[in-house]
């Protein structure tokens, strides 16, 4: 069974999209990412282009850098991929987790 065929249930599409982008699917258990993952799942459930997503997943390569333009989660997926590659962003003298940097 092709990965895109597993997307009959919409949240399965977001999981497959994350895998293709190299994003840890289980990363939503981390407190700093839990709301982001929940938002991505909700957007996927409400998506108006599920057929386009399934078709795209059937033909897209196994490794990607960006989500397709029609994906309502493009911004979230970019942020998650960035955080995974670079690490948490810093705000002033605190990291996004509230840890002092000095």
C-alpha atoms as a PDB file:
ATOM      1  CA  UNK A   1       0.000   0.000   0.000  1.00  0.00           C
ATOM      2  CA  UNK A   2       1.385   3.407  -0.990  1.00  0.00           C
ATOM      3  CA  UNK A   3       1.832   6.007   1.746  1.00  0.00           C
ATOM      4  CA  UNK A   4      -0.692   8.336   0.114  1.00  0.00           C
ATOM      5  CA  UNK A   5      -3.335   5.587   0.260  1.00  0.00           C
ATOM      6  CA  UNK A   6      -3.123   5.741   4.052  1.00  0.00           C
ATOM      7  CA  UNK A   7      -4.421   9.330   3.920  1.00  0.00           C
ATOM      8  CA  UNK A   8      -8.101   8.463   3.791  1.00  0.00           C
ATOM      9  CA  UNK A   9      -8.158   9.726   7.349  1.00  0.00           C
ATOM     10  CA  UNK A  10      -6.972  13.336   7.017  1.00  0.00           C
ATOM     11  CA  UNK A  11      -4.574  13.484   9.999  1.00  0.00           C
ATOM     12  CA  UNK A  12      -2.694  10.591   8.422  1.00  0.00           C
ATOM     13  CA  UNK A  13      -1.836  13.024   5.614  1.00  0.00           C
ATOM     14  CA  UNK A  14      -0.142  15.433   8.023  1.00  0.00           C
ATOM     15  CA  UNK A  15       1.860  12.548   9.474  1.00  0.00           C
ATOM     16  CA  UNK A  16       3.006  11.490   6.012  1.00  0.00           C
ATOM     17  CA  UNK A  17       3.819  15.110   5.105  1.00  0.00           C
ATOM     18  CA  UNK A  18       5.934  15.431   8.272  1.00  0.00           C
ATOM     19  CA  UNK A  19       7.794  12.217   7.489  1.00  0.00           C
ATOM     20  CA  UNK A  20       8.589  13.447   3.973  1.00  0.00           C
ATOM     21  CA  UNK A  21       9.893  16.724   5.399  1.00  0.00           C
ATOM     22  CA  UNK A  22      12.023  14.926   7.981  1.00  0.00           C
ATOM     23  CA  UNK A  23       9.990  16.234  10.924  1.00  0.00           C
ATOM     24  CA  UNK A  24       9.704  13.969  13.955  1.00  0.00           C
ATOM     25  CA  UNK A  25       6.037  12.915  13.956  1.00  0.00           C
ATOM     26  CA  UNK A  26       6.108  12.201  17.696  1.00  0.00           C
ATOM     27  CA  UNK A  27       7.566  15.612  18.529  1.00  0.00           C
ATOM     28  CA  UNK A  28       4.153  16.863  19.632  1.00  0.00           C
ATOM     29  CA  UNK A  29       4.722  15.324  23.042  1.00  0.00           C
ATOM     30  CA  UNK A  30       7.308  18.021  23.754  1.00  0.00           C
ATOM     31  CA  UNK A  31       5.628  20.878  25.639  1.00  0.00           C
ATOM     32  CA  UNK A  32       7.051  23.549  23.354  1.00  0.00           C
ATOM     33  CA  UNK A  33       5.585  21.835  20.278  1.00  0.00           C
ATOM     34  CA  UNK A  34       2.305  20.372  21.560  1.00  0.00           C
ATOM     35  CA  UNK A  35       0.121  23.333  20.541  1.00  0.00           C
ATOM     36  CA  UNK A  36       1.857  23.577  17.169  1.00  0.00           C
ATOM     37  CA  UNK A  37       1.217  19.899  16.416  1.00  0.00           C
ATOM     38  CA  UNK A  38      -2.401  20.185  17.604  1.00  0.00           C
ATOM     39  CA  UNK A  39      -2.920  23.187  15.325  1.00  0.00           C
ATOM     40  CA  UNK A  40      -1.436  21.323  12.362  1.00  0.00           C
ATOM     41  CA  UNK A  41      -3.734  18.350  12.982  1.00  0.00           C
ATOM     42  CA  UNK A  42      -6.757  20.635  13.263  1.00  0.00           C
ATOM     43  CA  UNK A  43      -5.866  22.442  10.041  1.00  0.00           C
ATOM     44  CA  UNK A  44      -5.441  19.085   8.311  1.00  0.00           C
ATOM     45  CA  UNK A  45      -8.857  17.939   9.522  1.00  0.00           C
ATOM     46  CA  UNK A  46     -10.425  21.146   8.190  1.00  0.00           C
ATOM     47  CA  UNK A  47      -8.487  21.132   4.898  1.00  0.00           C
ATOM     48  CA  UNK A  48     -10.468  21.946   1.766  1.00  0.00           C
ATOM     49  CA  UNK A  49      -8.013  20.186  -0.584  1.00  0.00           C
ATOM     50  CA  UNK A  50      -7.637  16.608   0.724  1.00  0.00           C
ATOM     51  CA  UNK A  51      -7.761  15.110  -2.776  1.00  0.00           C
ATOM     52  CA  UNK A  52      -4.954  17.382  -3.946  1.00  0.00           C
ATOM     53  CA  UNK A  53      -2.938  16.373  -0.887  1.00  0.00           C
ATOM     54  CA  UNK A  54      -3.396  12.659  -1.529  1.00  0.00           C
ATOM     55  CA  UNK A  55      -2.472  13.063  -5.205  1.00  0.00           C
ATOM     56  CA  UNK A  56       0.556  15.152  -4.299  1.00  0.00           C
ATOM     57  CA  UNK A  57       1.738  12.549  -1.783  1.00  0.00           C
ATOM     58  CA  UNK A  58       1.416   9.838  -4.449  1.00  0.00           C
ATOM     59  CA  UNK A  59       3.800  11.650  -6.789  1.00  0.00           C
ATOM     60  CA  UNK A  60       6.083  13.621  -4.435  1.00  0.00           C
ATOM     61  CA  UNK A  61       9.591  12.376  -3.641  1.00  0.00           C
ATOM     62  CA  UNK A  62      10.236  10.612  -0.343  1.00  0.00           C
ATOM     63  CA  UNK A  63      12.326  13.530   0.970  1.00  0.00           C
ATOM     64  CA  UNK A  64      11.250  17.157   0.666  1.00  0.00           C
ATOM     65  CA  UNK A  65      12.291  20.587   1.838  1.00  0.00           C
ATOM     66  CA  UNK A  66       8.933  22.370   1.709  1.00  0.00           C
ATOM     67  CA  UNK A  67       5.253  21.525   1.895  1.00  0.00           C
ATOM     68  CA  UNK A  68       3.217  22.168  -1.260  1.00  0.00           C
ATOM     69  CA  UNK A  69       1.770  25.665  -1.682  1.00  0.00           C
ATOM     70  CA  UNK A  70      -1.821  24.472  -1.248  1.00  0.00           C
ATOM     71  CA  UNK A  71      -1.101  22.986   2.193  1.00  0.00           C
ATOM     72  CA  UNK A  72      -2.662  25.065   4.990  1.00  0.00           C
ATOM     73  CA  UNK A  73       0.142  23.831   7.272  1.00  0.00           C
ATOM     74  CA  UNK A  74       3.016  25.125   5.149  1.00  0.00           C
ATOM     75  CA  UNK A  75       4.002  27.734   7.733  1.00  0.00           C
ATOM     76  CA  UNK A  76       3.817  25.323  10.664  1.00  0.00           C
ATOM     77  CA  UNK A  77       5.748  22.625   8.832  1.00  0.00           C
ATOM     78  CA  UNK A  78       8.451  25.131   7.901  1.00  0.00           C
ATOM     79  CA  UNK A  79       8.739  26.249  11.528  1.00  0.00           C
ATOM     80  CA  UNK A  80       8.921  22.683  12.851  1.00  0.00           C
ATOM     81  CA  UNK A  81      11.557  21.717  10.310  1.00  0.00           C
ATOM     82  CA  UNK A  82      13.585  24.834  11.116  1.00  0.00           C
ATOM     83  CA  UNK A  83      13.393  24.195  14.869  1.00  0.00           C
ATOM     84  CA  UNK A  84      14.448  20.595  14.366  1.00  0.00           C
ATOM     85  CA  UNK A  85      17.449  21.587  12.254  1.00  0.00           C
ATOM     86  CA  UNK A  86      18.589  24.674  14.157  1.00  0.00           C
ATOM     87  CA  UNK A  87      17.146  24.229  17.633  1.00  0.00           C
ATOM     88  CA  UNK A  88      14.766  26.431  19.604  1.00  0.00           C
ATOM     89  CA  UNK A  89      14.734  30.133  18.790  1.00  0.00           C
ATOM     90  CA  UNK A  90      15.844  32.636  21.367  1.00  0.00           C
ATOM     91  CA  UNK A  91      13.951  35.680  22.539  1.00  0.00           C
ATOM     92  CA  UNK A  92      16.187  38.295  24.146  1.00  0.00           C
ATOM     93  CA  UNK A  93      18.211  36.650  26.897  1.00  0.00           C
ATOM     94  CA  UNK A  94      15.837  33.710  27.274  1.00  0.00           C
ATOM     95  CA  UNK A  95      15.305  30.734  25.022  1.00  0.00           C
ATOM     96  CA  UNK A  96      11.714  30.030  23.968  1.00  0.00           C
ATOM     97  CA  UNK A  97      11.618  27.573  26.872  1.00  0.00           C
ATOM     98  CA  UNK A  98      12.331  30.403  29.325  1.00  0.00           C
ATOM     99  CA  UNK A  99      15.851  29.208  30.142  1.00  0.00           C
ATOM    100  CA  UNK A 100      18.463  31.869  30.828  1.00  0.00           C
ATOM    101  CA  UNK A 101      21.168  31.944  28.159  1.00  0.00           C
ATOM    102  CA  UNK A 102      23.939  33.246  30.399  1.00  0.00           C
END
